[in-house]
């Protein structure tokens, strides 16, 4: 191990090799991290767009139901205006109320089913996305731990080499007859 002291301090070749290896590993780890981040963002946008699309469909159905109810009311009013007697008006009103109660009940059930399906789908989509993200983070953590272990082993090896060389240098310094 060659070491120069003073203004021309040099890193030993072993340390330089370890440093270069560690920089390369760190670069690769960050490239992997950023690639995963890009993929996750892309997937997130897809999942969010799916949920947004489902919400849009849900709103359109709600507007459709309101339009149907308003149209039914205008039809009733048209018939009511054309009625020729109070009995016919009462009959039209009873028929309208009966039909509207049935229609609104069916619409409420369908609307509730749609809302439930929308919520379940959104939760399922986000849950799947969260699981995928957790798996990626777990893999990244395992890779980082493995890299850290490799670095620690490299540093241990360099340290052991430095200790042996220092011991040899100390032995040589104390016993000038010893040749290296």
Protein backbone atom coordinates (compact mmCIF):
# COMPACT_ATOMS: atom_id res chain seq x y z
CA UNK A 1 0.00 0.00 0.00
CA UNK A 2 1.62 3.22 -1.09
CA UNK A 3 0.76 6.35 0.76
CA UNK A 4 2.31 9.75 0.31
CA UNK A 5 1.97 12.35 2.99
CA UNK A 6 2.18 16.07 2.63
CA UNK A 7 0.89 18.28 -0.18
CA UNK A 8 0.95 15.39 -2.66
CA UNK A 9 -1.30 13.07 -0.65
CA UNK A 10 -2.37 10.06 -2.73
CA UNK A 11 -5.10 7.57 -2.14
CA UNK A 12 -3.87 4.00 -2.13
CA UNK A 13 -4.98 2.09 -5.27
CA UNK A 14 -7.16 -0.23 -3.16
CA UNK A 15 -9.04 2.72 -1.65
CA UNK A 16 -9.41 4.37 -5.06
CA UNK A 17 -10.83 1.13 -6.52
CA UNK A 18 -13.30 0.82 -3.65
CA UNK A 19 -14.32 4.47 -4.00
CA UNK A 20 -14.87 4.07 -7.75
CA UNK A 21 -16.85 0.88 -7.20
CA UNK A 22 -19.00 2.57 -4.54
CA UNK A 23 -19.67 5.58 -6.77
CA UNK A 24 -20.71 3.25 -9.61
CA UNK A 25 -22.99 1.32 -7.24
CA UNK A 26 -24.50 4.53 -5.89
CA UNK A 27 -25.10 5.81 -9.43
CA UNK A 28 -26.79 2.53 -10.39
CA UNK A 29 -28.92 2.62 -7.23
CA UNK A 30 -30.09 6.17 -7.98
CA UNK A 31 -30.75 5.32 -11.64
CA UNK A 32 -32.89 2.41 -10.46
CA UNK A 33 -34.64 4.64 -7.92
CA UNK A 34 -35.42 7.30 -10.52
CA UNK A 35 -36.59 4.72 -13.06
CA UNK A 36 -38.93 3.26 -10.46
CA UNK A 37 -40.12 6.76 -9.58
CA UNK A 38 -40.88 7.51 -13.25
CA UNK A 39 -42.74 4.22 -13.65
CA UNK A 40 -44.68 4.79 -10.43
CA UNK A 41 -45.69 8.30 -11.47
CA UNK A 42 -46.82 6.98 -14.85
CA UNK A 43 -48.83 4.22 -13.22
CA UNK A 44 -50.27 6.68 -10.70
CA UNK A 45 -51.45 8.93 -13.51
CA UNK A 46 -53.08 5.93 -15.19
CA UNK A 47 -54.83 4.90 -11.98
CA UNK A 48 -55.94 8.45 -11.27
CA UNK A 49 -57.24 8.82 -14.83
CA UNK A 50 -59.21 5.59 -14.45
CA UNK A 51 -60.80 6.83 -11.22
CA UNK A 52 -61.45 10.25 -12.80
CA UNK A 53 -63.11 8.59 -15.81
CA UNK A 54 -65.32 6.50 -13.53
CA UNK A 55 -66.32 9.61 -11.58
CA UNK A 56 -67.14 11.39 -14.84
CA UNK A 57 -69.36 8.47 -15.91
CA UNK A 58 -71.03 8.55 -12.49
CA UNK A 59 -71.74 12.29 -12.80
CA UNK A 60 -73.15 11.77 -16.30
CA UNK A 61 -75.50 9.09 -14.97
CA UNK A 62 -76.61 11.44 -12.19
CA UNK A 63 -77.34 14.18 -14.72
CA UNK A 64 -79.19 11.65 -16.89
CA UNK A 65 -81.37 10.66 -13.94
CA UNK A 66 -82.16 14.29 -13.17
CA UNK A 67 -83.01 14.95 -16.82
CA UNK A 68 -85.32 11.92 -16.88
CA UNK A 69 -87.12 13.16 -13.75
CA UNK A 70 -87.50 16.69 -15.12
CA UNK A 71 -88.75 15.30 -18.45
CA UNK A 72 -91.30 13.15 -16.60
CA UNK A 73 -92.45 16.24 -14.68
CA UNK A 74 -92.91 18.24 -17.86
CA UNK A 75 -94.84 15.34 -19.45
CA UNK A 76 -97.08 15.26 -16.37
CA UNK A 77 -97.62 19.04 -16.53
CA UNK A 78 -98.49 18.80 -20.23
CA UNK A 79 -101.08 16.09 -19.49
CA UNK A 80 -102.37 18.03 -16.50
CA UNK A 81 -102.94 21.14 -18.60
CA UNK A 82 -104.84 19.05 -21.17
CA UNK A 83 -107.09 17.40 -18.49
CA UNK A 84 -110.78 18.08 -18.95
CA UNK A 85 -112.03 17.47 -15.42
CA UNK A 86 -110.87 17.57 -11.81
CA UNK A 87 -111.25 13.75 -11.64
CA UNK A 88 -108.92 13.33 -14.63
CA UNK A 89 -106.44 15.73 -12.96
CA UNK A 90 -106.54 13.67 -9.74
CA UNK A 91 -106.11 10.45 -11.70
CA UNK A 92 -103.13 11.88 -13.62
CA UNK A 93 -101.58 13.12 -10.38
CA UNK A 94 -102.00 9.72 -8.66
CA UNK A 95 -100.51 7.96 -11.69
CA UNK A 96 -97.60 10.42 -11.85
CA UNK A 97 -96.82 10.09 -8.13
CA UNK A 98 -96.98 6.29 -8.29
CA UNK A 99 -94.70 6.18 -11.33
CA UNK A 100 -92.30 8.72 -9.87
CA UNK A 101 -92.00 6.89 -6.55
CA UNK A 102 -91.24 3.67 -8.40
CA UNK A 103 -88.80 5.40 -10.78
CA UNK A 104 -87.00 7.34 -8.04
CA UNK A 105 -86.72 4.18 -5.95
CA UNK A 106 -85.15 2.29 -8.88
CA UNK A 107 -82.90 5.23 -9.67
CA UNK A 108 -81.77 5.51 -6.05
CA UNK A 109 -80.92 1.81 -5.96
CA UNK A 110 -79.01 1.99 -9.25
CA UNK A 111 -77.30 5.21 -8.17
CA UNK A 112 -76.31 3.63 -4.84
CA UNK A 113 -74.99 0.51 -6.58
CA UNK A 114 -72.98 2.68 -8.96
CA UNK A 115 -71.60 4.79 -6.11
CA UNK A 116 -70.63 1.66 -4.19
CA UNK A 117 -68.94 0.14 -7.27
CA UNK A 118 -67.12 3.41 -7.93
CA UNK A 119 -65.83 3.57 -4.36
CA UNK A 120 -64.80 -0.08 -4.31
CA UNK A 121 -63.04 0.26 -7.66
CA UNK A 122 -61.19 3.39 -6.54
CA UNK A 123 -60.09 1.73 -3.30
CA UNK A 124 -59.07 -1.47 -5.12
CA UNK A 125 -57.12 0.49 -7.73
CA UNK A 126 -55.30 2.56 -5.14
CA UNK A 127 -54.68 -0.51 -2.95
CA UNK A 128 -53.12 -2.38 -5.88
CA UNK A 129 -51.00 0.66 -6.67
CA UNK A 130 -49.90 0.97 -3.03
CA UNK A 131 -48.96 -2.72 -2.92
CA UNK A 132 -46.92 -2.41 -6.11
CA UNK A 133 -45.17 0.66 -4.73
CA UNK A 134 -44.46 -1.13 -1.42
CA UNK A 135 -42.97 -4.09 -3.30
CA UNK A 136 -40.72 -1.76 -5.30
CA UNK A 137 -39.61 0.05 -2.16
CA UNK A 138 -38.88 -3.28 -0.49
CA UNK A 139 -36.76 -4.36 -3.47
CA UNK A 140 -34.91 -1.03 -3.44
CA UNK A 141 -34.28 -1.34 0.29
CA UNK A 142 -32.92 -4.86 -0.17
CA UNK A 143 -30.65 -3.65 -2.97
CA UNK A 144 -29.43 -0.73 -0.84
CA UNK A 145 -28.75 -3.08 2.08
CA UNK A 146 -26.83 -5.42 -0.18
CA UNK A 147 -24.76 -2.52 -1.54
CA UNK A 148 -24.08 -1.28 1.98
CA UNK A 149 -22.90 -4.76 3.00
CA UNK A 150 -20.59 -4.91 -0.01
CA UNK A 151 -19.15 -1.48 0.86
CA UNK A 152 -18.67 -2.52 4.48
CA UNK A 153 -16.87 -5.69 3.39
CA UNK A 154 -14.64 -3.72 1.02
CA UNK A 155 -13.78 -1.23 3.75
CA UNK A 156 -13.08 -4.06 6.19
CA UNK A 157 -10.72 -5.66 3.68
CA UNK A 158 -8.90 -2.37 3.07
CA UNK A 159 -8.71 -1.75 6.81
CA UNK A 160 -7.26 -5.19 7.44
CA UNK A 161 -4.71 -4.66 4.67
CA UNK A 162 -3.77 -1.26 6.09
CA UNK A 163 -3.36 -2.77 9.57
CA UNK A 164 -1.12 -5.56 8.23
CA UNK A 165 0.99 -3.07 6.30
CA UNK A 166 1.21 -0.76 9.33
CA UNK A 167 2.25 -3.70 11.52
CA UNK A 168 4.88 -4.70 8.95
CA UNK A 169 6.14 -1.13 8.73
CA UNK A 170 6.26 -0.88 12.53
CA UNK A 171 8.12 -4.17 12.79
CA UNK A 172 10.56 -3.01 10.14
CA UNK A 173 11.04 0.32 11.90
CA UNK A 174 11.80 -1.40 15.22
CA UNK A 175 14.05 -4.08 13.67
CA UNK A 176 16.28 -2.52 10.99
CA UNK A 177 17.71 -5.97 10.10
CA UNK A 178 14.31 -7.14 8.88
CA UNK A 179 13.88 -6.88 5.13
CA UNK A 180 10.46 -6.29 3.54
